[in-house]
Amino acid sequence: MVERLRLLIVLLVCALPTHALEAQPAITEAEARVAFARGVELFDAGDFEGAASAFERASRGLSGAVVRLNYAVALEKSGRRVRALAVYERLVADPGNLNPERLERARAALVALDAALGRVTIQCSQTGVALSGPDGEIGLTPLASPLRVEPGTAFIHASLKGFEPQIIPVVARAGQTTDVTVEMVATEAKLGEIALTSRLRGATVLLEGREVGVTPLGSTLAVRAGQPHRLEVRRKGYLTGSAQVTVDEGATVRVELTPAIDDIALRDSGAEVRLAIGQEGASVRVDGERVADPRVLKLPPGVHEIVVTRENYESSLRVVDLEEATPTTLTINLAPTPAYRVQLRDEARANQNAAIALLVAGSLVTAGSTGMLVWARVDAPAVEADLAAIDNKTAPYEHCTIPENEEKCKKIHVAILGDDDRVLGLTIGGAIGIPLGVAGVVTGVVMFATGEDPTQYDLPPLEDLGSARLTPLFDGGPGGFRIGVGGSF
């Protein structure tokens, strides 16, 4: 899979990524903390491209070395090793609060990446020639330093007014320097540009039958104006997509060209992808096309973009490189948006508080009802004895046999009957209250045990960003570098 991804060359001037962290507008510290937390969640979920984007955003509001380290690790894990190398270089040059052990590992990662990438030096017959590659503009000739490139074949586009546009294939090798000479040929031909886009990654682009790049193209295609040009997009497992394009002088024509899947080839050589999405009702798009049943997908081998979205959740982008007839399972858990995160946290806290209230109330009701039953059982024998004694006019109520004591004894009898009613009320109340209290306790326990922990929606404290926060890390070993998640520093 890694070897196939290497064919999707990322070609950049090494100076450009070095300043990538300053290229975007600053954000507030609070926004940066949200982005950092989001980056950790995405990295842990396997969405490395999304994590890199989140850490880059966090770096615009937080200056800690841990943010830059996480950004570099996420870039490397997502396959953008050229940019990761540049971020590591900056981190090593200015390590900030990075401890010695982590700094040494960053240096080791830098050395390993430098050995894994190639260098390209470009000599051009003219100065001021605009160079571009798969990742966009490179710069003007002469370049101040060699380009860092992924091993494999990339295409460099060279253009200068008054000269024929050039497209130069470059074959780079890991740890080696490749010298390229660009000869610009003067022309009086009028030129225009074609801006080609495709929803399909890793497809070969041909202009007039000649390979000129791999999707996504990082630059426009300079062509002669006023005449038709044939564009093709090819990839194994797809029908060839083609278009005939004519461009006016100085104009740019935008063309979207995405090949259709070859259903016959798919039956014979398709790859199966099973999606396990943590949120119900999520929408799934594969290479820009919505999928009706996302549970099991059958796709042509090669690189695919899988985007999962759901209302109130951040979208998740996974880039997978599928091998023929090899099943792949992706587990995707979406993270709530900041506003929805607050809502979920508040709901979880409310449920937790309700559970605690039920526990306390149920315990009090159970205890009170038990006390009522105990009180009734203690008083019942004496009340029953008094009632029998006054009914039978026996001790201690033998004086009730005397006629002049009749009114007094009636009052005593009423009082004893009141005590009897009180005992009955305590008995009934206790008998009803105990099961109700127990039910409240059980319900509270179940709610507390099964309810969500509201702290899972809290953002990490700012001081934890540089010390104890869970962050993506890497380890060196005999087999290379291992990416994982651990406590940051």
Protein backbone atom coordinates (compact mmCIF):
# COMPACT_ATOMS: atom_id res chain seq x y z
CA MET A 1 0.00 0.00 0.00
CA VAL A 2 2.81 2.39 0.90
CA GLU A 3 4.54 1.71 -2.40
CA ARG A 4 1.35 2.55 -4.28
CA LEU A 5 0.91 5.76 -2.35
CA ARG A 6 4.41 6.73 -3.31
CA LEU A 7 3.25 7.00 -6.90
CA LEU A 8 1.00 9.88 -5.82
CA ILE A 9 3.96 12.19 -5.70
CA VAL A 10 3.99 15.23 -3.49
CA LEU A 11 6.46 17.65 -5.01
CA LEU A 12 7.21 20.77 -3.02
CA VAL A 13 9.94 23.34 -2.58
CA CYS A 14 11.20 22.53 0.86
CA ALA A 15 11.00 26.18 1.89
CA LEU A 16 7.26 26.36 1.26
CA PRO A 17 6.10 23.85 3.89
CA THR A 18 8.54 25.37 6.40
CA HIS A 19 6.35 28.47 6.46
CA ALA A 20 3.06 26.60 6.21
CA LEU A 21 2.29 27.24 9.85
CA GLU A 22 2.38 31.04 9.32
CA ALA A 23 0.60 31.05 5.97
CA GLN A 24 -2.92 31.00 7.43
CA PRO A 25 -4.60 33.70 9.55
CA ALA A 26 -4.29 33.44 13.33
CA ILE A 27 -7.14 32.15 15.48
CA THR A 28 -8.02 32.64 19.12
CA GLU A 29 -6.56 30.47 21.85
CA ALA A 30 -9.99 28.98 22.57
CA GLU A 31 -10.46 28.06 18.90
CA ALA A 32 -6.98 26.54 18.85
CA ARG A 33 -7.77 24.38 21.88
CA VAL A 34 -10.88 23.09 20.13
CA ALA A 35 -8.81 22.31 17.03
CA PHE A 36 -6.14 20.54 19.08
CA ALA A 37 -8.68 18.33 20.83
CA ARG A 38 -10.28 17.60 17.48
CA GLY A 39 -6.89 16.61 16.05
CA VAL A 40 -6.31 14.10 18.83
CA GLU A 41 -9.76 12.59 18.29
CA LEU A 42 -9.23 12.32 14.54
CA PHE A 43 -5.78 10.81 14.90
CA ASP A 44 -7.06 8.25 17.38
CA ALA A 45 -9.88 7.44 14.94
CA GLY A 46 -7.43 6.91 12.06
CA ASP A 47 -8.37 10.06 10.14
CA PHE A 48 -4.78 11.27 9.74
CA GLU A 49 -5.50 13.84 7.04
CA GLY A 50 -8.20 15.38 9.19
CA ALA A 51 -5.87 15.28 12.21
CA ALA A 52 -3.12 17.07 10.27
CA SER A 53 -5.58 19.76 9.22
CA ALA A 54 -6.77 20.19 12.82
CA PHE A 55 -3.24 20.41 14.23
CA GLU A 56 -2.28 22.93 11.54
CA ARG A 57 -5.25 25.04 12.60
CA ALA A 58 -4.31 24.66 16.28
CA SER A 59 -0.79 25.87 15.49
CA ARG A 60 -2.22 29.24 14.48
CA GLY A 61 -3.37 29.91 18.03
CA LEU A 62 -0.96 27.83 20.14
CA SER A 63 2.81 27.98 19.93
CA GLY A 64 3.67 24.87 21.96
CA ALA A 65 6.10 22.37 20.49
CA VAL A 66 3.62 19.54 21.08
CA VAL A 67 1.28 21.07 18.50
CA ARG A 68 4.02 21.17 15.87
CA LEU A 69 5.14 17.65 16.71
CA ASN A 70 1.62 16.30 16.41
CA TYR A 71 1.24 18.14 13.12
CA ALA A 72 4.42 16.54 11.76
CA VAL A 73 3.42 13.05 12.91
CA ALA A 74 -0.07 13.37 11.41
CA LEU A 75 1.37 14.62 8.12
CA GLU A 76 3.76 11.70 7.96
CA LYS A 77 1.05 9.21 8.82
CA SER A 78 -1.23 10.66 6.12
CA GLY A 79 1.46 10.09 3.49
CA ARG A 80 2.51 13.74 3.09
CA ARG A 81 6.09 13.03 4.01
CA VAL A 82 7.64 15.97 2.16
CA ARG A 83 5.64 18.44 4.21
CA ALA A 84 6.22 16.40 7.38
CA LEU A 85 9.96 16.64 6.76
CA ALA A 86 9.76 20.43 6.57
CA VAL A 87 7.79 20.63 9.84
CA TYR A 88 10.27 18.32 11.57
CA GLU A 89 13.10 20.54 10.33
CA ARG A 90 11.50 23.58 11.86
CA LEU A 91 10.76 21.73 15.10
CA VAL A 92 14.34 20.54 15.46
CA ALA A 93 15.65 24.03 14.72
CA ASP A 94 13.31 25.57 17.34
CA PRO A 95 12.27 22.80 19.79
CA GLY A 96 10.70 25.12 22.35
CA ASN A 97 9.58 23.13 25.42
CA LEU A 98 10.14 19.73 23.82
CA ASN A 99 11.98 17.48 26.27
CA PRO A 100 15.34 15.94 25.24
CA GLU A 101 13.94 12.46 24.61
CA ARG A 102 11.18 13.67 22.29
CA LEU A 103 13.59 16.04 20.56
CA GLU A 104 15.94 13.15 19.86
CA ARG A 105 13.10 11.14 18.40
CA ALA A 106 12.09 14.08 16.22
CA ARG A 107 15.68 14.24 14.97
CA ALA A 108 15.59 10.51 14.24
CA ALA A 109 12.34 10.93 12.31
CA LEU A 110 13.93 13.77 10.36
CA VAL A 111 16.93 11.64 9.42
CA ALA A 112 14.69 8.71 8.42
CA LEU A 113 12.49 10.90 6.23
CA ASP A 114 15.45 12.58 4.62
CA ALA A 115 16.80 9.17 3.65
CA ALA A 116 13.41 7.99 2.38
CA LEU A 117 12.83 10.97 0.06
CA GLY A 118 14.60 11.99 -3.10
CA ARG A 119 16.10 15.31 -4.21
CA VAL A 120 15.72 16.98 -7.58
CA THR A 121 17.88 19.79 -8.90
CA ILE A 122 16.56 21.74 -11.88
CA GLN A 123 18.68 23.61 -14.39
CA CYS A 124 16.75 25.74 -16.87
CA SER A 125 17.82 27.50 -20.05
CA GLN A 126 15.83 30.60 -19.02
CA THR A 127 15.36 32.52 -15.79
CA GLY A 128 11.94 33.38 -14.43
CA VAL A 129 10.35 30.16 -15.69
CA ALA A 130 7.35 29.24 -13.53
CA LEU A 131 7.60 25.69 -12.24
CA SER A 132 4.74 23.70 -10.75
CA GLY A 133 4.15 20.13 -9.70
CA PRO A 134 1.42 17.91 -8.28
CA ASP A 135 1.12 20.01 -5.13
CA GLY A 136 0.96 23.36 -6.91
CA GLU A 137 3.43 26.13 -7.59
CA ILE A 138 7.10 25.40 -6.95
CA GLY A 139 8.71 28.73 -7.80
CA LEU A 140 10.66 30.57 -10.48
CA THR A 141 13.97 29.51 -11.92
CA PRO A 142 16.68 29.47 -10.76
CA LEU A 143 15.65 27.57 -7.62
CA ALA A 144 17.70 28.24 -4.51
CA SER A 145 17.79 24.61 -3.34
CA PRO A 146 16.92 21.10 -4.51
CA LEU A 147 13.35 19.91 -4.32
CA ARG A 148 12.38 17.19 -1.87
CA VAL A 149 10.23 14.59 -3.60
CA GLU A 150 8.67 11.20 -2.98
CA PRO A 151 10.32 8.28 -4.77
CA GLY A 152 8.59 7.53 -8.06
CA THR A 153 7.58 9.51 -11.12
CA ALA A 154 6.33 13.08 -10.95
CA PHE A 155 5.67 15.68 -13.61
CA ILE A 156 7.10 19.18 -13.50
CA HIS A 157 5.34 21.84 -15.56
CA ALA A 158 7.42 24.75 -16.87
CA SER A 159 5.91 27.86 -18.46
CA LEU A 160 7.17 31.27 -19.58
CA LYS A 161 5.50 33.78 -21.86
CA GLY A 162 6.90 33.52 -25.38
CA PHE A 163 8.07 29.94 -24.90
CA GLU A 164 6.54 26.53 -25.54
CA PRO A 165 5.20 25.05 -22.27
CA GLN A 166 7.15 22.03 -21.07
CA ILE A 167 6.06 18.99 -19.06
CA ILE A 168 9.03 17.05 -17.72
CA PRO A 169 8.69 13.60 -16.13
CA VAL A 170 11.05 13.17 -13.20
CA VAL A 171 12.01 9.81 -11.73
CA ALA A 172 13.20 10.26 -8.16
CA ARG A 173 14.87 7.67 -5.96
CA ALA A 174 15.06 7.52 -2.19
CA GLY A 175 18.21 9.09 -0.76
CA GLN A 176 19.47 10.14 -4.20
CA THR A 177 19.66 13.39 -6.16
CA THR A 178 18.22 13.56 -9.66
CA ASP A 179 19.44 16.31 -12.02
CA VAL A 180 16.90 17.70 -14.48
CA THR A 181 17.56 20.10 -17.36
CA VAL A 182 14.67 22.10 -18.83
CA GLU A 183 15.17 23.53 -22.32
CA MET A 184 12.66 26.25 -23.11
CA VAL A 185 11.88 26.71 -26.82
CA ALA A 186 10.74 30.10 -28.08
CA THR A 187 7.37 30.22 -29.84
CA GLU A 188 4.93 32.75 -31.25
CA ALA A 189 1.96 30.47 -30.65
CA LYS A 190 -0.94 31.81 -28.60
CA LEU A 191 -1.57 29.91 -25.39
CA GLY A 192 -4.42 29.14 -23.03
CA GLU A 193 -4.87 26.89 -20.01
CA ILE A 194 -6.90 23.85 -19.02
CA ALA A 195 -7.75 23.40 -15.34
CA LEU A 196 -8.55 19.72 -14.94
CA THR A 197 -10.22 18.36 -11.83
CA SER A 198 -11.34 14.83 -11.03
CA ARG A 199 -13.07 13.25 -8.05
CA LEU A 200 -10.84 10.22 -8.53
CA ARG A 201 -7.37 10.15 -6.98
CA GLY A 202 -4.37 8.40 -8.47
CA ALA A 203 -5.60 8.42 -12.06
CA THR A 204 -3.20 9.07 -14.93
CA VAL A 205 -3.88 12.22 -16.96
CA LEU A 206 -2.99 12.24 -20.65
CA LEU A 207 -2.91 15.23 -23.00
CA GLU A 208 -2.82 14.29 -26.68
CA GLY A 209 -1.96 10.74 -25.57
CA ARG A 210 1.02 11.83 -23.48
CA GLU A 211 1.16 11.44 -19.70
CA VAL A 212 1.19 14.81 -17.96
CA GLY A 213 0.40 13.98 -14.35
CA VAL A 214 -1.62 12.10 -11.77
CA THR A 215 -4.85 13.29 -10.19
CA PRO A 216 -5.23 15.53 -8.37
CA LEU A 217 -3.22 17.81 -10.63
CA GLY A 218 -1.47 20.61 -8.80
CA SER A 219 -1.37 22.97 -11.77
CA THR A 220 -3.16 23.92 -14.95
CA LEU A 221 -2.13 22.58 -18.35
CA ALA A 222 -0.76 25.19 -20.76
CA VAL A 223 -1.89 24.44 -24.34
CA ARG A 224 -2.04 26.16 -27.70
CA ALA A 225 -5.12 28.29 -28.13
CA GLY A 226 -7.65 27.92 -30.92
CA GLN A 227 -7.22 24.20 -31.55
CA PRO A 228 -8.83 21.12 -30.00
CA HIS A 229 -6.98 19.14 -27.35
CA ARG A 230 -7.83 15.63 -26.23
CA LEU A 231 -7.78 14.93 -22.49
CA GLU A 232 -7.96 11.46 -20.98
CA VAL A 233 -8.11 10.19 -17.41
CA ARG A 234 -7.24 6.51 -16.94
CA ARG A 235 -7.08 4.15 -14.00
CA LYS A 236 -7.32 0.40 -13.61
CA GLY A 237 -10.87 -0.71 -12.92
CA TYR A 238 -12.41 2.33 -14.63
CA LEU A 239 -13.57 3.17 -18.10
CA THR A 240 -11.40 5.81 -19.74
CA GLY A 241 -12.77 9.32 -19.25
CA SER A 242 -12.10 11.67 -22.15
CA ALA A 243 -12.94 15.17 -23.31
CA GLN A 244 -12.17 17.37 -26.31
CA VAL A 245 -11.27 20.90 -25.25
CA THR A 246 -10.57 24.09 -27.20
CA VAL A 247 -9.14 27.08 -25.36
CA ASP A 248 -9.16 30.74 -26.39
CA GLU A 249 -6.00 32.80 -26.12
CA GLY A 250 -5.30 33.78 -22.52
CA ALA A 251 -8.37 31.92 -21.26
CA THR A 252 -8.65 29.09 -18.75
CA VAL A 253 -11.16 26.31 -19.38
CA ARG A 254 -12.21 24.26 -16.37
CA VAL A 255 -12.88 20.59 -17.02
CA GLU A 256 -14.19 18.02 -14.53
CA LEU A 257 -13.40 14.52 -15.73
CA THR A 258 -14.11 11.49 -13.54
CA PRO A 259 -14.09 8.04 -15.18
CA ALA A 260 -16.96 5.65 -14.52
CA ILE A 261 -16.35 2.31 -12.82
CA ASP A 262 -15.92 -0.62 -15.18
CA ASP A 263 -18.61 -2.97 -13.82
CA ILE A 264 -17.21 -6.00 -15.63
CA ALA A 265 -13.73 -5.47 -14.19
CA LEU A 266 -15.26 -4.76 -10.76
CA ARG A 267 -16.85 -8.21 -10.65
CA ASP A 268 -13.53 -9.87 -11.36
CA SER A 269 -11.07 -7.71 -9.40
CA GLY A 270 -13.00 -5.51 -6.98
CA ALA A 271 -11.97 -4.90 -3.38
CA GLU A 272 -14.44 -5.07 -0.52
CA VAL A 273 -14.68 -2.34 2.13
CA ARG A 274 -16.79 -2.73 5.26
CA LEU A 275 -17.66 0.46 7.12
CA ALA A 276 -18.41 0.43 10.86
CA ILE A 277 -19.73 3.93 11.60
CA GLY A 278 -20.37 4.84 15.22
CA GLN A 279 -23.21 7.27 14.46
CA GLU A 280 -26.48 6.17 12.89
CA GLY A 281 -27.85 8.08 9.93
CA ALA A 282 -24.46 9.14 8.60
CA SER A 283 -24.06 9.91 4.90
CA VAL A 284 -21.18 8.35 2.97
CA ARG A 285 -19.55 9.54 -0.24
CA VAL A 286 -16.90 7.57 -2.10
CA ASP A 287 -14.82 9.60 -4.54
CA GLY A 288 -17.48 12.29 -4.42
CA GLU A 289 -20.42 9.97 -5.15
CA ARG A 290 -23.03 9.30 -2.47
CA VAL A 291 -23.45 5.65 -1.49
CA ALA A 292 -26.95 4.33 -0.80
CA ASP A 293 -25.86 1.41 1.41
CA PRO A 294 -22.48 2.17 3.00
CA ARG A 295 -22.20 -0.96 5.10
CA VAL A 296 -20.36 -2.99 2.45
CA LEU A 297 -18.71 -1.35 -0.57
CA LYS A 298 -17.11 -2.99 -3.55
CA LEU A 299 -14.61 -0.72 -5.27
CA PRO A 300 -11.85 -0.97 -7.86
CA PRO A 301 -8.39 -1.46 -6.37
CA GLY A 302 -6.33 1.66 -5.73
CA VAL A 303 -6.75 4.90 -3.82
CA HIS A 304 -10.20 6.14 -2.79
CA GLU A 305 -11.56 9.00 -0.72
CA ILE A 306 -14.31 8.03 1.72
CA VAL A 307 -16.09 10.96 3.36
CA VAL A 308 -18.56 10.39 6.19
CA THR A 309 -20.85 13.23 7.29
CA ARG A 310 -23.73 13.66 9.71
CA GLU A 311 -25.62 16.67 11.00
CA ASN A 312 -24.02 18.19 14.13
CA TYR A 313 -20.83 16.17 13.61
CA GLU A 314 -17.51 16.98 11.98
CA SER A 315 -17.00 15.17 8.69
CA SER A 316 -14.37 12.45 8.47
CA LEU A 317 -12.16 11.89 5.43
CA ARG A 318 -10.40 8.56 4.99
CA VAL A 319 -8.00 7.90 2.15
CA VAL A 320 -7.67 4.16 1.59
CA ASP A 321 -5.47 2.24 -0.81
CA LEU A 322 -7.27 -0.98 -1.65
CA GLU A 323 -5.67 -4.13 -2.93
CA GLU A 324 -7.43 -6.47 -5.32
CA ALA A 325 -9.68 -9.07 -3.65
CA THR A 326 -8.49 -8.00 -0.18
CA PRO A 327 -11.29 -7.08 2.27
CA THR A 328 -10.80 -3.95 4.37
CA THR A 329 -12.72 -2.84 7.48
CA LEU A 330 -12.87 0.81 8.49
CA THR A 331 -14.14 1.91 11.90
CA ILE A 332 -15.23 5.55 11.85
CA ASN A 333 -16.46 7.54 14.82
CA LEU A 334 -17.45 11.12 14.10
CA ALA A 335 -16.71 13.89 16.57
CA PRO A 336 -19.44 16.40 17.47
CA THR A 337 -19.12 20.01 16.34
CA PRO A 338 -18.10 22.48 19.08
CA ALA A 339 -21.69 23.72 19.56
CA TYR A 340 -23.12 20.20 19.61
CA ARG A 341 -20.32 19.11 21.95
CA VAL A 342 -21.54 21.70 24.48
CA GLN A 343 -25.14 20.51 24.03
CA LEU A 344 -24.16 16.85 24.52
CA ARG A 345 -22.07 17.74 27.57
CA ASP A 346 -24.95 19.67 29.12
CA GLU A 347 -27.39 16.84 28.40
CA ALA A 348 -25.00 14.29 29.89
CA ARG A 349 -24.57 16.45 32.99
CA ALA A 350 -28.34 16.89 33.32
CA ASN A 351 -28.86 13.11 33.04
CA GLN A 352 -26.08 12.49 35.53
CA ASN A 353 -27.58 15.02 37.96
CA ALA A 354 -31.00 13.40 37.52
CA ALA A 355 -29.47 10.00 38.26
CA ILE A 356 -27.83 11.34 41.42
CA ALA A 357 -31.10 12.99 42.47
CA LEU A 358 -32.95 9.69 42.00
CA LEU A 359 -30.28 7.85 44.00
CA VAL A 360 -30.50 10.32 46.87
CA ALA A 361 -34.29 10.62 46.79
CA GLY A 362 -34.75 6.86 46.47
CA SER A 363 -32.36 6.24 49.37
CA LEU A 364 -34.18 8.75 51.57
CA VAL A 365 -37.59 7.33 50.69
CA THR A 366 -36.37 3.78 51.34
CA ALA A 367 -34.82 4.75 54.65
CA GLY A 368 -37.89 6.75 55.72
CA SER A 369 -40.30 3.98 54.70
CA THR A 370 -38.25 1.41 56.55
CA GLY A 371 -38.37 3.63 59.63
CA MET A 372 -42.15 3.92 59.30
CA LEU A 373 -42.53 0.12 59.23
CA VAL A 374 -40.24 -0.29 62.22
CA TRP A 375 -42.16 2.40 64.13
CA ALA A 376 -45.48 0.73 63.26
CA ARG A 377 -44.25 -2.70 64.36
CA VAL A 378 -42.97 -1.27 67.65
CA ASP A 379 -46.18 0.60 68.46
CA ALA A 380 -48.71 -1.94 67.13
CA PRO A 381 -48.71 -4.38 70.12
CA ALA A 382 -49.27 -1.62 72.70
CA VAL A 383 -52.03 0.00 70.65
CA GLU A 384 -53.77 -3.34 70.11
CA ALA A 385 -53.55 -4.11 73.83
CA ASP A 386 -54.96 -0.69 74.77
CA LEU A 387 -57.81 -1.07 72.29
CA ALA A 388 -58.71 -4.53 73.65
CA ALA A 389 -58.48 -3.30 77.25
CA ILE A 390 -60.78 -0.33 76.78
CA ASP A 391 -63.25 -2.38 74.73
CA ASN A 392 -63.38 -4.98 77.52
CA LYS A 393 -63.06 -2.37 80.28
CA THR A 394 -60.18 -4.24 81.81
CA ALA A 395 -57.04 -2.88 83.37
CA PRO A 396 -56.00 -0.21 83.10
CA TYR A 397 -59.46 0.92 82.02
CA GLU A 398 -61.62 -0.88 84.60
CA HIS A 399 -62.83 2.50 85.85
CA CYS A 400 -64.78 2.81 82.56
CA THR A 401 -67.43 0.52 84.15
CA ILE A 402 -68.50 3.45 86.33
CA PRO A 403 -71.26 5.49 84.58
CA GLU A 404 -69.85 8.89 85.52
CA ASN A 405 -66.55 7.99 83.70
CA GLU A 406 -68.30 7.21 80.42
CA GLU A 407 -67.50 10.52 78.66
CA LYS A 408 -63.87 10.39 79.74
CA CYS A 409 -63.51 6.81 78.51
CA LYS A 410 -65.06 7.71 75.16
CA LYS A 411 -62.33 10.29 74.64
CA ILE A 412 -59.68 7.74 75.59
CA HIS A 413 -61.21 5.26 73.15
CA VAL A 414 -61.11 7.81 70.33
CA ALA A 415 -57.45 8.53 71.10
CA ILE A 416 -56.59 4.83 71.04
CA LEU A 417 -58.41 4.44 67.71
CA GLY A 418 -56.32 7.36 66.40
CA ASP A 419 -53.18 5.55 67.47
CA ASP A 420 -54.46 2.46 65.69
CA ASP A 421 -55.05 4.49 62.51
CA ARG A 422 -51.57 5.97 62.85
CA VAL A 423 -50.00 2.49 63.06
CA LEU A 424 -52.03 1.40 60.03
CA GLY A 425 -50.93 4.49 58.11
CA LEU A 426 -47.28 3.89 58.99
CA THR A 427 -47.60 0.28 57.86
CA ILE A 428 -49.24 1.15 54.54
CA GLY A 429 -46.87 4.08 53.90
CA GLY A 430 -43.84 1.96 54.64
CA ALA A 431 -45.11 -0.89 52.47
CA ILE A 432 -45.64 1.49 49.53
CA GLY A 433 -42.58 3.68 50.13
CA ILE A 434 -39.97 0.92 50.29
CA PRO A 435 -40.55 -0.45 46.74
CA LEU A 436 -40.86 3.09 45.39
CA GLY A 437 -37.59 4.08 47.05
CA VAL A 438 -35.85 0.93 45.86
CA ALA A 439 -37.16 1.58 42.33
CA GLY A 440 -35.74 5.12 42.50
CA VAL A 441 -32.36 3.82 43.67
CA VAL A 442 -32.25 1.14 40.96
CA THR A 443 -33.29 3.63 38.27
CA GLY A 444 -30.66 6.10 39.46
CA VAL A 445 -27.96 3.42 39.45
CA VAL A 446 -28.91 2.30 35.94
CA MET A 447 -29.02 5.88 34.66
CA PHE A 448 -25.64 6.66 36.21
CA ALA A 449 -24.04 3.44 34.96
CA THR A 450 -25.39 3.62 31.42
CA GLY A 451 -25.38 7.38 30.97
CA GLU A 452 -22.62 9.22 29.13
CA ASP A 453 -19.75 10.74 31.05
CA PRO A 454 -20.02 14.50 30.50
CA THR A 455 -16.26 14.93 30.89
CA GLN A 456 -15.72 13.15 27.57
CA TYR A 457 -17.01 16.30 25.88
CA ASP A 458 -14.73 18.67 27.83
CA LEU A 459 -11.76 20.23 26.08
CA PRO A 460 -8.32 19.52 27.58
CA PRO A 461 -7.07 22.20 29.98
CA LEU A 462 -4.57 24.47 28.31
CA GLU A 463 -1.78 23.47 30.65
CA ASP A 464 -2.23 19.84 29.62
CA LEU A 465 -1.34 20.61 26.01
CA GLY A 466 2.34 20.67 26.87
CA SER A 467 2.40 18.05 29.60
CA ALA A 468 -0.12 15.30 30.14
CA ARG A 469 -2.47 15.47 27.19
CA LEU A 470 -3.08 12.34 25.12
CA THR A 471 -1.38 12.92 21.77
CA PRO A 472 -0.10 11.02 18.74
CA LEU A 473 3.47 9.87 19.18
CA PHE A 474 6.01 7.70 17.43
CA ASP A 475 8.63 5.18 18.48
CA GLY A 476 11.80 4.00 16.84
CA GLY A 477 12.68 0.37 16.52
CA PRO A 478 14.56 -2.14 14.41
CA GLY A 479 11.71 -2.20 11.89
CA GLY A 480 11.35 1.54 11.56
CA PHE A 481 8.98 3.99 13.21
CA ARG A 482 5.72 3.09 14.88
CA ILE A 483 2.90 5.61 15.12
CA GLY A 484 0.57 5.51 18.10
CA VAL A 485 -1.21 7.50 20.78
CA GLY A 486 0.23 8.30 24.19
CA GLY A 487 0.71 11.00 26.79
CA SER A 488 2.32 14.11 25.44
CA PHE A 489 5.07 16.04 27.12
